Amino acid sequence: MSGPRIAHATLKGPSVVKEICMGLAVAISVASFWKMHQWNEQRKTRAFYDLLEKGEISVVAEEESCLNYFLTAAQIQIF
């Protein structure tokens, strides 16, 4: 007489098709987040250059404010 049969879970290797599908899903989701970040940065850069072209902003400091930061030798001796 043979003993009772016990059902054991058989260990299978990874499913290649399932692994490829999971990898594609992760890659597409990460790529979409990266592309959204890239579009946001592009929008900010384009807005900056539009404002610069219109003259609403400037990247050059005004002369009066720059002169306040630099002291001449005569001014240093006074202090």
C-alpha atoms as a PDB file:
ATOM      1  CA  MET A   1       0.000   0.000   0.000  1.00  0.00           C
ATOM      2  CA  SER A   2       1.263   3.379  -0.861  1.00  0.00           C
ATOM      3  CA  GLY A   3       0.961   6.359   1.430  1.00  0.00           C
ATOM      4  CA  PRO A   4      -1.544   9.170   0.949  1.00  0.00           C
ATOM      5  CA  ARG A   5      -0.805  11.558  -1.861  1.00  0.00           C
ATOM      6  CA  ILE A   6      -0.075  15.092  -0.727  1.00  0.00           C
ATOM      7  CA  ALA A   7      -0.378  17.896  -3.213  1.00  0.00           C
ATOM      8  CA  HIS A   8       2.780  19.988  -3.185  1.00  0.00           C
ATOM      9  CA  ALA A   9       3.197  23.285  -4.903  1.00  0.00           C
ATOM     10  CA  THR A  10       5.518  22.854  -7.808  1.00  0.00           C
ATOM     11  CA  LEU A  11       8.113  25.548  -8.119  1.00  0.00           C
ATOM     12  CA  LYS A  12       8.247  27.065 -11.553  1.00  0.00           C
ATOM     13  CA  GLY A  13      10.808  29.381 -13.013  1.00  0.00           C
ATOM     14  CA  PRO A  14       9.940  32.963 -13.881  1.00  0.00           C
ATOM     15  CA  SER A  15       7.597  33.445 -16.794  1.00  0.00           C
ATOM     16  CA  VAL A  16       9.493  35.235 -19.544  1.00  0.00           C
ATOM     17  CA  VAL A  17       6.393  36.845 -21.028  1.00  0.00           C
ATOM     18  CA  LYS A  18       5.220  38.019 -17.605  1.00  0.00           C
ATOM     19  CA  GLU A  19       8.657  39.480 -16.816  1.00  0.00           C
ATOM     20  CA  ILE A  20       8.742  41.349 -20.140  1.00  0.00           C
ATOM     21  CA  CYS A  21       5.241  42.768 -19.577  1.00  0.00           C
ATOM     22  CA  MET A  22       6.085  43.902 -16.040  1.00  0.00           C
ATOM     23  CA  GLY A  23       9.318  45.487 -17.247  1.00  0.00           C
ATOM     24  CA  LEU A  24       7.502  47.345 -20.021  1.00  0.00           C
ATOM     25  CA  ALA A  25       4.857  48.600 -17.586  1.00  0.00           C
ATOM     26  CA  VAL A  26       7.493  49.932 -15.180  1.00  0.00           C
ATOM     27  CA  ALA A  27       9.526  51.478 -18.010  1.00  0.00           C
ATOM     28  CA  ILE A  28       6.509  53.240 -19.526  1.00  0.00           C
ATOM     29  CA  SER A  29       5.396  54.646 -16.169  1.00  0.00           C
ATOM     30  CA  VAL A  30       8.890  55.945 -15.297  1.00  0.00           C
ATOM     31  CA  ALA A  31       9.346  57.376 -18.797  1.00  0.00           C
ATOM     32  CA  SER A  32       6.016  59.197 -18.603  1.00  0.00           C
ATOM     33  CA  PHE A  33       6.941  60.805 -15.274  1.00  0.00           C
ATOM     34  CA  TRP A  34      10.339  61.832 -16.702  1.00  0.00           C
ATOM     35  CA  LYS A  35       8.701  63.304 -19.804  1.00  0.00           C
ATOM     36  CA  MET A  36       6.242  65.307 -17.670  1.00  0.00           C
ATOM     37  CA  HIS A  37       9.195  66.674 -15.669  1.00  0.00           C
ATOM     38  CA  GLN A  38      10.996  67.543 -18.902  1.00  0.00           C
ATOM     39  CA  TRP A  39       7.940  69.365 -20.301  1.00  0.00           C
ATOM     40  CA  ASN A  40       7.593  71.333 -17.061  1.00  0.00           C
ATOM     41  CA  GLU A  41      11.238  72.441 -17.190  1.00  0.00           C
ATOM     42  CA  GLN A  42      10.869  73.359 -20.867  1.00  0.00           C
ATOM     43  CA  ARG A  43       7.796  75.462 -20.051  1.00  0.00           C
ATOM     44  CA  LYS A  44       9.694  77.317 -17.306  1.00  0.00           C
ATOM     45  CA  THR A  45      12.658  77.971 -19.602  1.00  0.00           C
ATOM     46  CA  ARG A  46      10.431  79.184 -22.419  1.00  0.00           C
ATOM     47  CA  ALA A  47       8.560  81.514 -20.035  1.00  0.00           C
ATOM     48  CA  PHE A  48      11.871  82.930 -18.765  1.00  0.00           C
ATOM     49  CA  TYR A  49      13.151  83.685 -22.251  1.00  0.00           C
ATOM     50  CA  ASP A  50       9.802  85.194 -23.269  1.00  0.00           C
ATOM     51  CA  LEU A  51       9.943  87.567 -20.292  1.00  0.00           C
ATOM     52  CA  LEU A  52      13.574  88.361 -21.075  1.00  0.00           C
ATOM     53  CA  GLU A  53      12.723  89.132 -24.693  1.00  0.00           C
ATOM     54  CA  LYS A  54       9.812  91.395 -23.692  1.00  0.00           C
ATOM     55  CA  GLY A  55      12.129  93.299 -21.357  1.00  0.00           C
ATOM     56  CA  GLU A  56      10.083  92.559 -18.228  1.00  0.00           C
ATOM     57  CA  ILE A  57      13.094  90.995 -16.523  1.00  0.00           C
ATOM     58  CA  SER A  58      16.835  91.443 -16.824  1.00  0.00           C
ATOM     59  CA  VAL A  59      19.796  89.270 -16.001  1.00  0.00           C
ATOM     60  CA  VAL A  60      22.166  92.240 -15.730  1.00  0.00           C
ATOM     61  CA  ALA A  61      22.271  94.012 -12.390  1.00  0.00           C
ATOM     62  CA  GLU A  62      21.702  97.758 -12.434  1.00  0.00           C
ATOM     63  CA  GLU A  63      24.824  99.910 -12.092  1.00  0.00           C
ATOM     64  CA  GLU A  64      23.659 101.708  -8.957  1.00  0.00           C
ATOM     65  CA  SER A  65      23.079  98.494  -7.071  1.00  0.00           C
ATOM     66  CA  CYS A  66      26.438  97.110  -8.236  1.00  0.00           C
ATOM     67  CA  LEU A  67      28.292 100.197  -7.046  1.00  0.00           C
ATOM     68  CA  ASN A  68      26.946  99.664  -3.551  1.00  0.00           C
ATOM     69  CA  TYR A  69      28.676  96.278  -3.350  1.00  0.00           C
ATOM     70  CA  PHE A  70      32.124  97.417  -4.450  1.00  0.00           C
ATOM     71  CA  LEU A  71      34.094  99.770  -2.240  1.00  0.00           C
ATOM     72  CA  THR A  72      37.007 101.767  -3.528  1.00  0.00           C
ATOM     73  CA  ALA A  73      40.283 102.003  -1.646  1.00  0.00           C
ATOM     74  CA  ALA A  74      39.415 105.522  -0.481  1.00  0.00           C
ATOM     75  CA  GLN A  75      36.124 104.355   1.017  1.00  0.00           C
ATOM     76  CA  ILE A  76      37.809 101.481   2.837  1.00  0.00           C
ATOM     77  CA  GLN A  77      40.292 103.892   4.475  1.00  0.00           C
ATOM     78  CA  ILE A  78      37.425 106.082   5.693  1.00  0.00           C
ATOM     79  CA  PHE A  79      35.871 103.227   7.610  1.00  0.00           C
END
